[in-house]
N, C-alpha and C. Protein backbone atom coordinates (compact mmCIF):
# COMPACT_ATOMS: atom_id res chain seq x y z
N UNK A 1 11.32 24.44 13.88
CA UNK A 1 11.95 23.20 12.52
C UNK A 1 9.82 23.46 11.91
N UNK A 2 9.76 23.45 10.89
CA UNK A 2 9.07 23.34 9.97
C UNK A 2 9.28 22.82 8.88
N UNK A 3 8.34 20.98 9.31
CA UNK A 3 8.56 20.09 8.47
C UNK A 3 7.47 20.00 7.32
N UNK A 4 7.87 20.21 6.06
CA UNK A 4 7.13 20.14 5.64
C UNK A 4 6.90 18.54 4.67
N UNK A 5 5.60 18.75 3.97
CA UNK A 5 4.99 17.57 3.37
C UNK A 5 5.94 16.65 2.57
N UNK A 6 6.58 17.39 1.45
CA UNK A 6 7.82 17.12 0.86
C UNK A 6 9.42 16.31 1.17
N UNK A 7 8.90 17.00 2.68
CA UNK A 7 10.60 16.41 3.03
C UNK A 7 9.99 14.69 3.35
N UNK A 8 8.69 15.01 4.39
CA UNK A 8 8.20 13.35 4.64
C UNK A 8 7.79 12.43 2.81
N UNK A 9 7.65 13.04 2.36
CA UNK A 9 8.01 11.80 1.36
C UNK A 9 8.45 11.59 1.25
N UNK A 10 9.53 12.34 0.74
CA UNK A 10 11.04 12.45 0.46
C UNK A 10 11.90 10.88 1.59
N UNK A 11 11.24 11.07 2.60
CA UNK A 11 11.70 10.14 3.50
C UNK A 11 11.59 8.92 3.67
N UNK A 12 9.69 8.64 4.15
CA UNK A 12 9.28 7.50 4.04
C UNK A 12 10.27 6.62 1.93
N UNK A 13 10.26 8.10 0.94
CA UNK A 13 10.29 6.72 -0.19
C UNK A 13 11.50 6.08 -0.35
N UNK A 14 12.49 6.79 0.38
CA UNK A 14 13.58 6.89 0.43
C UNK A 14 14.03 6.08 1.52
N UNK A 15 13.44 5.67 2.50
CA UNK A 15 13.50 4.25 3.83
C UNK A 15 12.71 3.17 2.88
N UNK A 16 12.12 3.49 2.41
CA UNK A 16 11.21 1.99 1.99
C UNK A 16 11.62 1.41 0.93
N UNK A 17 12.59 2.23 -0.27
CA UNK A 17 13.50 2.69 -1.44
C UNK A 17 14.65 1.21 -1.18
N UNK A 18 15.76 2.23 -0.16
CA UNK A 18 16.41 1.18 0.41
C UNK A 18 16.91 0.64 1.20
N UNK A 19 15.51 -0.35 1.43
CA UNK A 19 14.86 -1.05 2.54
C UNK A 19 14.91 -2.25 1.39
N UNK A 20 14.20 -1.94 0.50
CA UNK A 20 13.59 -2.79 -0.75
C UNK A 20 15.18 -3.15 -1.33
N UNK A 21 15.58 -2.58 -2.28
CA UNK A 21 16.85 -2.28 -2.78
C UNK A 21 18.41 -3.24 -2.26
N UNK A 22 18.29 -2.78 -0.72
CA UNK A 22 18.81 -3.69 -0.05
C UNK A 22 18.37 -4.64 0.01
N UNK A 23 17.39 -5.87 0.39
CA UNK A 23 16.33 -7.05 0.19
C UNK A 23 17.18 -7.63 -0.94
N UNK A 24 16.74 -6.80 -2.18
CA UNK A 24 17.21 -7.34 -3.24
C UNK A 24 18.69 -7.79 -3.28
N UNK A 25 19.86 -6.49 -3.30
CA UNK A 25 21.27 -6.56 -3.26
C UNK A 25 21.27 -8.38 -2.74
N UNK A 26 21.08 -8.29 -1.16
CA UNK A 26 21.85 -9.17 0.14
C UNK A 26 21.12 -11.01 -0.71
N UNK A 27 19.72 -11.23 -1.24
CA UNK A 27 18.91 -12.28 -0.87
C UNK A 27 19.42 -12.67 -2.64
N UNK A 28 20.23 -11.63 -3.56
CA UNK A 28 20.08 -12.72 -4.82
C UNK A 28 18.52 -11.35 -5.88
N UNK A 29 18.50 -11.85 -6.81
CA UNK A 29 17.93 -11.76 -7.70
C UNK A 29 17.39 -13.34 -8.84
N UNK A 30 16.12 -13.59 -7.62
CA UNK A 30 15.74 -14.65 -8.95
C UNK A 30 16.13 -15.04 -9.03
N UNK A 31 16.27 -16.57 -10.37
CA UNK A 31 16.36 -17.33 -10.63
C UNK A 31 18.52 -17.47 -10.84
N UNK A 32 18.42 -18.77 -10.57
CA UNK A 32 20.26 -18.67 -10.17
C UNK A 32 20.51 -19.14 -11.79
N UNK A 33 19.48 -19.17 -13.02
CA UNK A 33 20.08 -19.57 -13.69
C UNK A 33 20.57 -18.37 -15.15
N UNK A 34 21.05 -17.06 -14.52
CA UNK A 34 21.21 -15.78 -15.09
C UNK A 34 22.66 -16.02 -15.32
N UNK A 35 23.16 -15.97 -16.66
CA UNK A 35 24.14 -15.89 -16.98
C UNK A 35 25.46 -14.67 -16.05
N UNK A 36 26.20 -14.75 -16.12
CA UNK A 36 27.21 -13.66 -14.94
C UNK A 36 27.60 -12.88 -14.88
N UNK A 37 26.84 -12.90 -16.34
CA UNK A 37 27.12 -10.84 -17.13
C UNK A 37 25.68 -10.33 -16.77
N UNK A 38 25.00 -10.71 -16.80
CA UNK A 38 23.60 -10.05 -16.60
C UNK A 38 23.12 -9.94 -15.60
N UNK A 39 24.65 -11.13 -14.13
CA UNK A 39 23.50 -11.21 -13.12
C UNK A 39 24.40 -9.92 -12.47
N UNK A 40 25.95 -9.91 -12.89
CA UNK A 40 26.58 -8.31 -12.28
C UNK A 40 25.65 -7.22 -12.93
N UNK A 41 25.33 -7.08 -14.29
CA UNK A 41 24.43 -5.93 -14.01
C UNK A 41 23.80 -5.49 -13.49
N UNK A 42 23.06 -6.53 -12.63
CA UNK A 42 22.02 -5.69 -12.12
C UNK A 42 22.52 -5.64 -10.77
N UNK A 43 23.69 -6.54 -10.71
CA UNK A 43 23.55 -5.64 -9.21
C UNK A 43 24.05 -3.83 -9.25
N UNK A 44 25.01 -3.89 -10.66
CA UNK A 44 25.56 -2.87 -10.82
C UNK A 44 24.23 -1.54 -10.75
N UNK A 45 22.95 -2.26 -11.10
CA UNK A 45 21.96 -1.32 -11.25
C UNK A 45 21.51 -1.05 -9.92
N UNK A 46 20.97 -1.96 -9.01
CA UNK A 46 21.03 -2.19 -6.92
C UNK A 46 21.32 -1.04 -6.52
N UNK A 47 22.95 -1.21 -6.78
CA UNK A 47 24.29 -0.06 -6.30
C UNK A 47 23.72 1.31 -6.58
N UNK A 48 23.20 1.07 -8.43
CA UNK A 48 22.82 2.63 -8.23
C UNK A 48 21.46 3.20 -8.47
N UNK A 49 20.69 2.41 -7.53
CA UNK A 49 19.03 3.22 -7.35
C UNK A 49 19.52 2.89 -5.50
N UNK A 50 20.64 2.75 -4.83
CA UNK A 50 20.60 3.04 -3.63
C UNK A 50 21.40 4.57 -3.74
N UNK A 51 22.08 4.54 -4.19
CA UNK A 51 22.63 5.78 -4.55
C UNK A 51 22.18 7.24 -4.55
N UNK A 52 21.36 6.88 -6.17
CA UNK A 52 19.55 7.58 -6.21
C UNK A 52 19.35 7.89 -4.47
N UNK A 53 18.64 6.72 -4.38
CA UNK A 53 18.14 7.28 -2.99
C UNK A 53 18.65 8.01 -1.93
N UNK A 54 19.71 7.96 -1.69
CA UNK A 54 20.63 8.48 -0.80
C UNK A 54 20.89 9.90 -1.36
N UNK A 55 21.14 9.83 -2.63
CA UNK A 55 21.75 10.99 -3.54
C UNK A 55 20.63 12.25 -2.43
N UNK A 56 18.73 11.81 -3.06
CA UNK A 56 17.68 12.63 -3.34
C UNK A 56 17.93 12.95 -1.64
N UNK A 57 17.79 11.66 -0.70
CA UNK A 57 17.39 12.25 0.39
C UNK A 57 18.80 13.34 0.61
N UNK A 58 20.05 13.19 0.59
CA UNK A 58 20.78 14.49 1.14
C UNK A 58 19.91 15.59 0.57
N UNK A 59 20.03 15.89 -0.56
CA UNK A 59 19.36 17.25 -0.76
C UNK A 59 18.01 17.87 -0.96
N UNK A 60 17.36 16.43 -0.08
CA UNK A 60 15.72 17.34 0.45
C UNK A 60 16.59 18.23 1.31
N UNK A 61 17.48 17.02 2.47
CA UNK A 61 17.59 18.13 3.74
C UNK A 61 18.66 18.86 4.00
N UNK A 62 19.81 19.23 2.94
CA UNK A 62 20.66 19.99 3.08
C UNK A 62 20.20 21.28 1.95
N UNK A 63 19.83 21.32 1.27
CA UNK A 63 19.59 22.25 0.57
C UNK A 63 18.07 23.04 0.87
N UNK A 64 18.23 24.59 0.57
CA UNK A 64 17.13 25.11 1.03
C UNK A 64 15.96 25.64 -0.63
N UNK A 65 17.22 25.52 -1.38
CA UNK A 65 16.25 26.11 -2.62
C UNK A 65 15.66 25.63 -3.57
N UNK A 66 14.32 26.50 -3.69
CA UNK A 66 13.51 25.06 -4.32
C UNK A 66 13.66 24.30 -5.55
N UNK A 67 13.85 25.36 -6.88
CA UNK A 67 13.62 24.72 -7.71
C UNK A 67 14.38 23.84 -7.62
N UNK A 68 15.80 23.01 -6.80
CA UNK A 68 16.89 22.29 -7.18
C UNK A 68 16.63 21.17 -6.45
N UNK A 69 15.82 21.71 -5.43
CA UNK A 69 15.49 20.46 -4.68
C UNK A 69 14.32 19.33 -5.38
N UNK A 70 13.32 20.24 -5.81
CA UNK A 70 12.11 20.03 -6.36
C UNK A 70 12.24 19.53 -8.53
N UNK A 71 13.67 20.01 -8.69
CA UNK A 71 14.23 18.78 -10.02
C UNK A 71 14.66 17.77 -9.39
N UNK A 72 15.90 18.14 -8.65
CA UNK A 72 16.70 16.61 -8.52
C UNK A 72 15.93 15.35 -8.02
N UNK A 73 13.86 16.27 -7.33
CA UNK A 73 13.30 15.28 -6.64
C UNK A 73 13.02 14.26 -7.84
N UNK A 74 12.58 15.26 -8.89
CA UNK A 74 11.98 14.90 -9.87
C UNK A 74 12.58 13.49 -10.71
N UNK A 75 13.88 13.70 -11.33
CA UNK A 75 14.48 13.43 -12.33
C UNK A 75 15.22 11.79 -11.32
N UNK A 76 15.22 12.01 -9.54
CA UNK A 76 15.46 11.25 -9.04
C UNK A 76 14.28 9.74 -9.09
N UNK A 77 13.43 10.30 -8.86
CA UNK A 77 12.05 9.27 -9.09
C UNK A 77 12.32 8.28 -10.73
N UNK A 78 12.05 9.77 -11.46
CA UNK A 78 13.01 8.56 -13.18
C UNK A 78 13.28 7.47 -13.23
N UNK A 79 15.18 8.75 -12.58
CA UNK A 79 15.68 7.30 -12.25
C UNK A 79 15.69 6.33 -11.27
N UNK A 80 15.41 6.19 -10.58
CA UNK A 80 14.69 5.10 -9.71
C UNK A 80 13.60 3.65 -10.08
N UNK A 81 12.76 4.47 -10.67
CA UNK A 81 12.10 3.73 -12.32
C UNK A 81 12.63 2.80 -13.04
N UNK A 82 13.37 3.99 -13.58
CA UNK A 82 14.74 3.09 -14.53
C UNK A 82 15.64 2.00 -14.30
N UNK A 83 16.49 2.74 -12.89
CA UNK A 83 17.34 1.57 -12.60
C UNK A 83 16.78 1.06 -12.54
N UNK A 84 15.91 0.56 -11.28
CA UNK A 84 14.83 -0.78 -10.58
C UNK A 84 14.16 -1.87 -11.49
N UNK A 85 14.53 -1.57 -13.04
CA UNK A 85 13.34 -2.18 -14.04
C UNK A 85 12.08 -2.72 -13.40
N UNK A 86 12.25 -0.96 -12.84
CA UNK A 86 10.15 -1.12 -12.74
C UNK A 86 9.00 -2.15 -12.10
N UNK A 87 10.05 -2.91 -11.07
CA UNK A 87 8.98 -3.68 -10.23
C UNK A 87 9.48 -3.34 -8.48
N UNK A 88 10.78 -3.05 -8.56
CA UNK A 88 10.45 -2.63 -7.27
C UNK A 88 10.93 -1.06 -6.78
N UNK A 89 11.01 -0.11 -8.10
CA UNK A 89 10.76 1.20 -7.61
C UNK A 89 9.58 1.62 -7.92
N UNK A 90 8.74 1.73 -7.67
CA UNK A 90 7.14 1.54 -8.24
C UNK A 90 6.67 2.63 -7.20
N UNK A 91 6.86 2.20 -5.70
CA UNK A 91 6.91 3.04 -4.43
C UNK A 91 7.78 4.26 -4.12
N UNK A 92 8.68 3.78 -4.91
CA UNK A 92 9.81 5.37 -4.67
C UNK A 92 9.80 6.33 -5.75
N UNK A 93 9.31 5.65 -7.65
CA UNK A 93 8.71 6.70 -8.54
C UNK A 93 7.75 7.83 -7.48
N UNK A 94 6.04 6.54 -7.48
CA UNK A 94 5.02 6.96 -6.88
C UNK A 94 5.19 8.12 -5.23
N UNK A 95 5.82 8.10 -4.59
CA UNK A 95 6.39 9.07 -3.65
C UNK A 95 7.04 10.58 -4.08
N UNK A 96 8.46 9.60 -4.57
CA UNK A 96 9.39 10.61 -5.09
C UNK A 96 8.47 11.87 -5.74
N UNK A 97 7.66 11.51 -6.65
CA UNK A 97 7.05 12.28 -7.71
C UNK A 97 6.33 13.51 -7.26
N UNK A 98 5.98 12.77 -6.73
CA UNK A 98 4.63 13.80 -5.89
C UNK A 98 5.42 15.15 -4.69
N UNK A 99 7.01 14.25 -3.85
CA UNK A 99 7.20 15.41 -2.93
C UNK A 99 8.33 16.42 -4.47
N UNK A 100 8.63 15.77 -5.53
CA UNK A 100 9.16 17.00 -5.99
C UNK A 100 7.94 17.82 -7.39
N UNK A 101 6.92 17.56 -7.31
CA UNK A 101 6.01 18.73 -7.12
C UNK A 101 5.42 19.10 -6.67
N UNK A 102 5.41 18.80 -5.15
CA UNK A 102 5.03 19.96 -4.35
C UNK A 102 6.13 20.99 -4.11
N UNK A 103 7.20 20.65 -4.11
CA UNK A 103 8.29 20.96 -3.82
C UNK A 103 8.34 22.12 -4.42
N UNK A 104 7.73 21.49 -6.00
CA UNK A 104 7.70 23.21 -6.94
C UNK A 104 6.88 23.74 -7.01
N UNK A 105 5.89 23.50 -6.83
CA UNK A 105 4.80 24.14 -6.14
C UNK A 105 4.24 25.29 -5.11
N UNK A 106 5.56 25.18 -4.13
CA UNK A 106 5.43 25.37 -2.22
C UNK A 106 5.57 27.03 -2.69
N UNK A 107 4.64 27.22 -2.08
CA UNK A 107 4.76 29.25 -2.01
C UNK A 107 6.27 29.51 -0.72
N UNK A 108 6.80 30.21 -1.22
CA UNK A 108 8.07 30.71 0.47
C UNK A 108 6.94 32.27 0.82
N UNK A 109 7.32 31.59 2.07
CA UNK A 109 6.76 32.21 3.15
C UNK A 109 7.60 33.52 3.48
N UNK A 110 7.17 34.96 2.30
CA UNK A 110 7.58 35.85 3.02
C UNK A 110 7.09 37.03 4.00
N UNK A 111 7.86 36.77 5.14
CA UNK A 111 7.30 37.55 6.02
C UNK A 111 8.12 39.07 5.76
N UNK A 112 6.83 40.20 5.74
CA UNK A 112 7.13 41.72 5.27
C UNK A 112 6.34 42.35 6.58
N UNK A 113 7.77 43.23 7.43
CA UNK A 113 6.74 44.23 8.09
C UNK A 113 7.05 45.19 7.75
N UNK A 114 5.98 45.98 7.95
CA UNK A 114 6.09 47.51 8.10
C UNK A 114 6.05 48.08 8.76
N UNK A 115 6.36 49.75 8.64
CA UNK A 115 7.35 50.54 9.76
C UNK A 115 7.38 51.33 9.70
N UNK A 116 6.67 52.33 10.29
CA UNK A 116 5.90 53.54 10.19
C UNK A 116 6.95 54.87 10.70
């Protein structure tokens, strides 16, 4: 089995991203003087970020389509940056974006045999 660089980047980004967002989800979000409505919004955004990480990880290792995986990783990187309020998702963004770009640029090895 051949493991490509984009898969390693995705695995690292999703593992660290899931750890950080789960940490924020379990410990809460900074000052406790936030109104309950804003606190619920933050929980919703954190859960959405976790779902994006799991989706990106699943698509990367299940699908073999170059364009599908590449575009999904780029969109996931942007979603992580937006949903995580940009402070705990910067690392996920910084690793998922190059992983998507590398997947789109990767050339498929097509082995052809010449028969006489």
